[in-house]
Structures are given as C-alpha cells and as structure tokens.
C-alpha cells in the first residue's frame, strides 16, 4: 500500500495587500486532477473511469481528517496516472507532486493476524 500525506500546506500568493500565506487544499487538488479533462490534461476518461476516479477521490476526502490516506497499489496507480497526464502545475504544486511521487510504501497487517 501507499501512504500519501493529504494535509493542507501553506503557499504564498501575491495580492494588492502584498505577499501572504494561504492554505493549499491537497485533497481538493487531488480530486480536481483525478477528474480533470480538457486542455490541461492528456487524460481522457470514459464514464466508467470517471466514476472509478470519483470513488477514489471520495475515499481520499473521507480520510482528510486523518491527514493521510492508505491506497492500494491499483488505486495509487490511478492517482499517479492522473498526475502524469496533467499539465499546468505551478510552484504551488511542487509539494503536492512530491507527496505523490514520494509516497511511502507501507505494509498493512490484516486485523486479527499477527506477523510471524
């Protein structure tokens, strides 16, 4: 399984009032990238793929309060493919991209079973 950090982080924005830090929603950004279509991505989703991606995005949203999500290899592969297809990342997404590309590999034990 892959463990992805989905905690929000701070990014700097420039406005008329000057430079300020604002929270960057990792969960919302992952959802937007997974369901993106159009000029910003080479991803072209069928109806079945759209629904599949939406289910994974909902799973990620449901884990937001924990600050991380454990994804099975197949689920993570779908997230990673969406990121690979997306074009238009900026400085604000460097941390987001690192969290996907550097997701920690974790071993998960089934409940009730002990490692030997």
N, C-alpha and C. Protein backbone atom coordinates (compact mmCIF):
# COMPACT_ATOMS: atom_id res chain seq x y z
N UNK A 1 0.84 -1.18 0.00
CA UNK A 1 0.00 0.00 0.00
C UNK A 1 0.88 1.24 0.00
N UNK A 2 0.30 2.32 -0.46
CA UNK A 2 0.99 3.61 -0.46
C UNK A 2 0.32 4.53 0.54
N UNK A 3 1.13 5.23 1.31
CA UNK A 3 0.64 6.20 2.28
C UNK A 3 0.94 7.59 1.73
N UNK A 4 -0.13 8.35 1.49
CA UNK A 4 0.01 9.69 0.92
C UNK A 4 -0.41 10.73 1.96
N UNK A 5 0.46 11.70 2.18
CA UNK A 5 0.19 12.80 3.10
C UNK A 5 -0.81 13.74 2.41
N UNK A 6 -2.00 13.91 3.02
CA UNK A 6 -3.03 14.76 2.41
C UNK A 6 -3.35 15.98 3.27
N UNK A 7 -2.43 16.31 4.18
CA UNK A 7 -2.62 17.52 4.99
C UNK A 7 -2.43 18.75 4.11
N UNK A 8 -3.22 19.78 4.37
CA UNK A 8 -3.03 21.04 3.67
C UNK A 8 -1.67 21.62 4.02
N UNK A 9 -1.13 22.43 3.14
CA UNK A 9 0.12 23.13 3.41
C UNK A 9 -0.04 24.58 2.98
N UNK A 10 0.91 25.41 3.36
CA UNK A 10 0.82 26.85 3.06
C UNK A 10 1.54 27.17 1.75
N UNK A 11 0.93 28.06 0.98
CA UNK A 11 1.56 28.60 -0.23
C UNK A 11 1.50 30.12 -0.16
N UNK A 12 2.43 30.74 -0.83
CA UNK A 12 2.44 32.22 -0.87
C UNK A 12 1.69 32.70 -2.10
N UNK A 13 0.86 33.71 -1.89
CA UNK A 13 0.20 34.36 -3.02
C UNK A 13 0.50 35.86 -2.94
N UNK A 14 0.52 36.46 -4.10
CA UNK A 14 0.76 37.90 -4.17
C UNK A 14 -0.56 38.57 -4.49
N UNK A 15 -0.91 39.56 -3.66
CA UNK A 15 -2.15 40.31 -3.88
C UNK A 15 -1.83 41.79 -3.75
N UNK A 16 -2.84 42.61 -3.87
CA UNK A 16 -2.65 44.05 -3.72
C UNK A 16 -2.15 44.40 -2.32
N UNK A 17 -2.50 43.59 -1.35
CA UNK A 17 -2.05 43.82 0.03
C UNK A 17 -0.62 43.32 0.26
N UNK A 18 -0.05 42.65 -0.71
CA UNK A 18 1.30 42.12 -0.58
C UNK A 18 1.29 40.59 -0.62
N UNK A 19 2.39 40.02 -0.16
CA UNK A 19 2.52 38.56 -0.16
C UNK A 19 1.92 38.02 1.13
N UNK A 20 1.10 36.99 0.99
CA UNK A 20 0.55 36.35 2.18
C UNK A 20 0.49 34.85 1.97
N UNK A 21 0.48 34.13 3.09
CA UNK A 21 0.38 32.68 3.03
C UNK A 21 -1.07 32.26 3.19
N UNK A 22 -1.47 31.30 2.38
CA UNK A 22 -2.82 30.75 2.45
C UNK A 22 -2.73 29.23 2.42
N UNK A 23 -3.72 28.54 2.98
CA UNK A 23 -3.69 27.08 2.94
C UNK A 23 -3.95 26.55 1.53
N UNK A 24 -3.25 25.50 1.17
CA UNK A 24 -3.42 24.83 -0.12
C UNK A 24 -4.11 23.50 0.15
N UNK A 25 -5.28 23.29 -0.40
CA UNK A 25 -6.06 22.08 -0.16
C UNK A 25 -5.56 20.93 -1.03
N UNK A 26 -4.83 20.03 -0.41
CA UNK A 26 -4.29 18.86 -1.10
C UNK A 26 -5.43 17.97 -1.59
N UNK A 27 -6.39 17.72 -0.73
CA UNK A 27 -7.49 16.82 -1.07
C UNK A 27 -8.28 17.34 -2.28
N UNK A 28 -8.63 18.61 -2.26
CA UNK A 28 -9.40 19.19 -3.37
C UNK A 28 -8.58 19.16 -4.66
N UNK A 29 -7.29 19.42 -4.55
CA UNK A 29 -6.44 19.41 -5.74
C UNK A 29 -6.32 18.01 -6.33
N UNK A 30 -6.17 17.00 -5.48
CA UNK A 30 -6.11 15.62 -5.98
C UNK A 30 -7.42 15.29 -6.70
N UNK A 31 -8.54 15.65 -6.10
CA UNK A 31 -9.83 15.39 -6.73
C UNK A 31 -9.92 16.09 -8.09
N UNK A 32 -9.54 17.35 -8.15
CA UNK A 32 -9.60 18.09 -9.41
C UNK A 32 -8.73 17.46 -10.49
N UNK A 33 -7.54 17.03 -10.12
CA UNK A 33 -6.63 16.42 -11.09
C UNK A 33 -7.16 15.07 -11.54
N UNK A 34 -7.69 14.28 -10.62
CA UNK A 34 -8.21 12.96 -10.98
C UNK A 34 -9.42 13.03 -11.90
N UNK A 35 -10.18 14.12 -11.82
CA UNK A 35 -11.38 14.25 -12.62
C UNK A 35 -11.24 15.29 -13.73
N UNK A 36 -10.00 15.69 -14.00
CA UNK A 36 -9.78 16.74 -15.00
C UNK A 36 -9.93 16.20 -16.42
N UNK A 37 -10.30 17.11 -17.30
CA UNK A 37 -10.41 16.85 -18.72
C UNK A 37 -10.15 18.17 -19.43
N UNK A 38 -9.89 18.13 -20.70
CA UNK A 38 -9.70 19.37 -21.45
C UNK A 38 -8.25 19.63 -21.77
N UNK A 39 -7.93 20.90 -22.01
CA UNK A 39 -6.61 21.28 -22.49
C UNK A 39 -5.49 21.00 -21.49
N UNK A 40 -5.79 21.03 -20.21
CA UNK A 40 -4.75 20.89 -19.19
C UNK A 40 -4.30 19.46 -18.93
N UNK A 41 -4.87 18.51 -19.65
CA UNK A 41 -4.52 17.12 -19.38
C UNK A 41 -4.64 16.27 -20.64
N UNK A 42 -3.83 15.25 -20.70
CA UNK A 42 -3.98 14.28 -21.78
C UNK A 42 -4.92 13.15 -21.35
N UNK A 43 -5.42 13.24 -20.12
CA UNK A 43 -6.33 12.24 -19.58
C UNK A 43 -7.69 12.34 -20.28
N UNK A 44 -8.17 11.24 -20.77
CA UNK A 44 -9.50 11.16 -21.38
C UNK A 44 -10.22 10.02 -20.70
N UNK A 45 -11.23 10.34 -19.93
CA UNK A 45 -11.91 9.34 -19.11
C UNK A 45 -13.25 8.92 -19.72
N UNK A 46 -13.48 7.63 -19.69
CA UNK A 46 -14.80 7.11 -20.06
C UNK A 46 -15.72 7.32 -18.86
N UNK A 47 -16.99 6.99 -19.03
CA UNK A 47 -17.92 7.11 -17.92
C UNK A 47 -17.48 6.20 -16.76
N UNK A 48 -17.11 4.97 -17.06
CA UNK A 48 -16.68 4.02 -16.03
C UNK A 48 -15.43 4.52 -15.31
N UNK A 49 -14.48 5.05 -16.06
CA UNK A 49 -13.24 5.58 -15.46
C UNK A 49 -13.53 6.82 -14.61
N UNK A 50 -14.44 7.67 -15.06
CA UNK A 50 -14.81 8.85 -14.29
C UNK A 50 -15.41 8.44 -12.95
N UNK A 51 -16.31 7.48 -12.96
CA UNK A 51 -16.92 7.01 -11.72
C UNK A 51 -15.90 6.33 -10.82
N UNK A 52 -14.99 5.57 -11.40
CA UNK A 52 -13.92 4.92 -10.63
C UNK A 52 -13.04 5.98 -9.96
N UNK A 53 -12.63 6.97 -10.72
CA UNK A 53 -11.78 8.04 -10.17
C UNK A 53 -12.52 8.82 -9.10
N UNK A 54 -13.81 9.05 -9.31
CA UNK A 54 -14.61 9.77 -8.31
C UNK A 54 -14.69 8.98 -7.00
N UNK A 55 -14.80 7.65 -7.09
CA UNK A 55 -14.84 6.82 -5.87
C UNK A 55 -13.52 6.93 -5.10
N UNK A 56 -12.41 6.92 -5.82
CA UNK A 56 -11.11 7.06 -5.15
C UNK A 56 -10.98 8.44 -4.54
N UNK A 57 -11.42 9.47 -5.25
CA UNK A 57 -11.37 10.84 -4.72
C UNK A 57 -12.23 10.96 -3.46
N UNK A 58 -13.38 10.31 -3.44
CA UNK A 58 -14.25 10.32 -2.25
C UNK A 58 -13.57 9.61 -1.09
N UNK A 59 -12.88 8.53 -1.36
CA UNK A 59 -12.14 7.81 -0.32
C UNK A 59 -11.06 8.71 0.28
N UNK A 60 -10.39 9.47 -0.58
CA UNK A 60 -9.35 10.39 -0.12
C UNK A 60 -9.99 11.49 0.73
N UNK A 61 -11.12 12.03 0.27
CA UNK A 61 -11.83 13.07 1.03
C UNK A 61 -12.24 12.56 2.41
N UNK A 62 -12.69 11.33 2.47
CA UNK A 62 -13.14 10.75 3.74
C UNK A 62 -12.00 10.60 4.74
N UNK A 63 -10.77 10.54 4.26
CA UNK A 63 -9.60 10.37 5.13
C UNK A 63 -8.96 11.70 5.50
N UNK A 64 -9.51 12.81 5.03
CA UNK A 64 -8.88 14.13 5.21
C UNK A 64 -8.58 14.43 6.68
N UNK A 65 -9.46 14.07 7.57
CA UNK A 65 -9.24 14.40 8.99
C UNK A 65 -8.06 13.64 9.59
N UNK A 66 -7.71 12.49 9.01
CA UNK A 66 -6.54 11.73 9.48
C UNK A 66 -5.24 12.36 9.01
N UNK A 67 -5.28 13.07 7.90
CA UNK A 67 -4.08 13.71 7.38
C UNK A 67 -3.28 12.84 6.43
N UNK A 68 -3.72 11.62 6.22
CA UNK A 68 -3.07 10.74 5.26
C UNK A 68 -4.10 9.74 4.74
N UNK A 69 -3.75 9.10 3.62
CA UNK A 69 -4.61 8.07 3.05
C UNK A 69 -3.74 6.88 2.69
N UNK A 70 -4.25 5.70 2.97
CA UNK A 70 -3.60 4.46 2.53
C UNK A 70 -4.33 4.00 1.28
N UNK A 71 -3.59 3.89 0.19
CA UNK A 71 -4.18 3.47 -1.07
C UNK A 71 -3.57 2.14 -1.51
N UNK A 72 -4.42 1.26 -1.98
CA UNK A 72 -3.94 0.01 -2.56
C UNK A 72 -3.14 0.37 -3.82
N UNK A 73 -2.27 -0.53 -4.23
CA UNK A 73 -1.41 -0.25 -5.40
C UNK A 73 -2.23 0.14 -6.63
N UNK A 74 -3.34 -0.55 -6.88
CA UNK A 74 -4.17 -0.24 -8.05
C UNK A 74 -4.77 1.17 -7.95
N UNK A 75 -5.22 1.54 -6.75
CA UNK A 75 -5.78 2.89 -6.55
C UNK A 75 -4.70 3.95 -6.73
N UNK A 76 -3.54 3.70 -6.12
CA UNK A 76 -2.45 4.67 -6.23
C UNK A 76 -2.02 4.83 -7.68
N UNK A 77 -1.99 3.74 -8.41
CA UNK A 77 -1.61 3.78 -9.82
C UNK A 77 -2.54 4.70 -10.62
N UNK A 78 -3.81 4.68 -10.28
CA UNK A 78 -4.79 5.54 -10.96
C UNK A 78 -4.54 7.01 -10.60
N UNK A 79 -4.27 7.28 -9.32
CA UNK A 79 -3.94 8.65 -8.90
C UNK A 79 -2.69 9.12 -9.64
N UNK A 80 -1.66 8.30 -9.64
CA UNK A 80 -0.38 8.66 -10.27
C UNK A 80 -0.56 8.90 -11.77
N UNK A 81 -1.35 8.06 -12.42
CA UNK A 81 -1.61 8.24 -13.86
C UNK A 81 -2.29 9.57 -14.15
N UNK A 82 -3.21 9.96 -13.27
CA UNK A 82 -3.88 11.26 -13.45
C UNK A 82 -2.89 12.40 -13.31
N UNK A 83 -1.98 12.29 -12.35
CA UNK A 83 -0.95 13.31 -12.17
C UNK A 83 -0.01 13.35 -13.37
N UNK A 84 0.36 12.18 -13.87
CA UNK A 84 1.26 12.12 -15.03
C UNK A 84 0.62 12.73 -16.27
N UNK A 85 -0.69 12.63 -16.39
CA UNK A 85 -1.40 13.16 -17.56
C UNK A 85 -1.63 14.66 -17.48
N UNK A 86 -1.64 15.20 -16.27
CA UNK A 86 -1.99 16.61 -16.06
C UNK A 86 -0.86 17.53 -16.48
N UNK A 87 -1.21 18.64 -17.12
CA UNK A 87 -0.26 19.69 -17.49
C UNK A 87 -0.76 20.99 -16.88
N UNK A 88 0.14 21.78 -16.33
CA UNK A 88 -0.28 23.05 -15.78
C UNK A 88 0.07 23.21 -14.31
N UNK A 89 0.95 22.36 -13.81
CA UNK A 89 1.39 22.53 -12.43
C UNK A 89 2.21 23.81 -12.31
N UNK A 90 2.21 24.39 -11.12
CA UNK A 90 3.00 25.60 -10.87
C UNK A 90 3.81 25.41 -9.59
N UNK A 91 4.44 26.47 -9.16
CA UNK A 91 5.24 26.46 -7.93
C UNK A 91 4.42 25.96 -6.74
N UNK A 92 3.15 26.32 -6.70
CA UNK A 92 2.30 25.91 -5.57
C UNK A 92 2.09 24.41 -5.51
N UNK A 93 2.27 23.71 -6.61
CA UNK A 93 2.03 22.27 -6.64
C UNK A 93 3.29 21.43 -6.47
N UNK A 94 4.44 22.05 -6.27
CA UNK A 94 5.68 21.28 -6.09
C UNK A 94 5.52 20.30 -4.92
N UNK A 95 5.05 20.80 -3.78
CA UNK A 95 4.87 19.94 -2.61
C UNK A 95 3.85 18.84 -2.90
N UNK A 96 2.76 19.16 -3.56
CA UNK A 96 1.74 18.18 -3.91
C UNK A 96 2.34 17.07 -4.77
N UNK A 97 3.10 17.45 -5.79
CA UNK A 97 3.72 16.46 -6.68
C UNK A 97 4.72 15.58 -5.92
N UNK A 98 5.47 16.18 -5.01
CA UNK A 98 6.40 15.39 -4.20
C UNK A 98 5.66 14.37 -3.35
N UNK A 99 4.53 14.76 -2.81
CA UNK A 99 3.75 13.85 -1.96
C UNK A 99 3.25 12.64 -2.74
N UNK A 100 3.00 12.82 -4.03
CA UNK A 100 2.57 11.69 -4.86
C UNK A 100 3.79 10.86 -5.28
N UNK A 101 4.80 11.50 -5.82
CA UNK A 101 5.95 10.75 -6.32
C UNK A 101 6.77 10.10 -5.21
N UNK A 102 6.71 10.66 -4.00
CA UNK A 102 7.49 10.12 -2.89
C UNK A 102 6.61 9.45 -1.85
N UNK A 103 5.44 8.99 -2.25
CA UNK A 103 4.52 8.33 -1.31
C UNK A 103 5.22 7.13 -0.68
N UNK A 104 5.02 7.02 0.61
CA UNK A 104 5.68 5.96 1.38
C UNK A 104 5.02 4.61 1.13
N UNK A 105 5.84 3.59 0.93
CA UNK A 105 5.35 2.21 0.81
C UNK A 105 5.18 1.67 2.22
N UNK A 106 4.01 1.17 2.52
CA UNK A 106 3.76 0.61 3.86
C UNK A 106 3.17 -0.78 3.74
N UNK A 107 3.51 -1.60 4.72
CA UNK A 107 2.91 -2.93 4.79
C UNK A 107 1.78 -2.87 5.79
N UNK A 108 0.67 -3.45 5.43
CA UNK A 108 -0.50 -3.42 6.28
C UNK A 108 -0.84 -4.85 6.68
N UNK A 109 -1.07 -5.02 7.98
CA UNK A 109 -1.48 -6.32 8.50
C UNK A 109 -2.99 -6.40 8.53
N UNK A 110 -3.52 -7.56 8.23
CA UNK A 110 -4.95 -7.76 8.38
C UNK A 110 -5.28 -7.78 9.86
N UNK A 111 -6.42 -7.23 10.23
CA UNK A 111 -6.83 -7.25 11.63
C UNK A 111 -6.97 -8.69 12.08
N UNK A 112 -6.47 -8.96 13.29
CA UNK A 112 -6.59 -10.30 13.83
C UNK A 112 -5.45 -11.22 13.47
N UNK A 113 -4.62 -10.82 12.50
CA UNK A 113 -3.48 -11.64 12.12
C UNK A 113 -2.21 -10.99 12.65
N UNK A 114 -1.31 -11.80 13.12
CA UNK A 114 -0.04 -11.29 13.64
C UNK A 114 1.07 -11.70 12.70
N UNK A 115 2.08 -10.83 12.58
CA UNK A 115 3.25 -11.17 11.79
C UNK A 115 4.04 -12.26 12.50
N UNK A 116 4.65 -13.13 11.71
CA UNK A 116 5.47 -14.20 12.30
C UNK A 116 6.85 -13.69 12.63
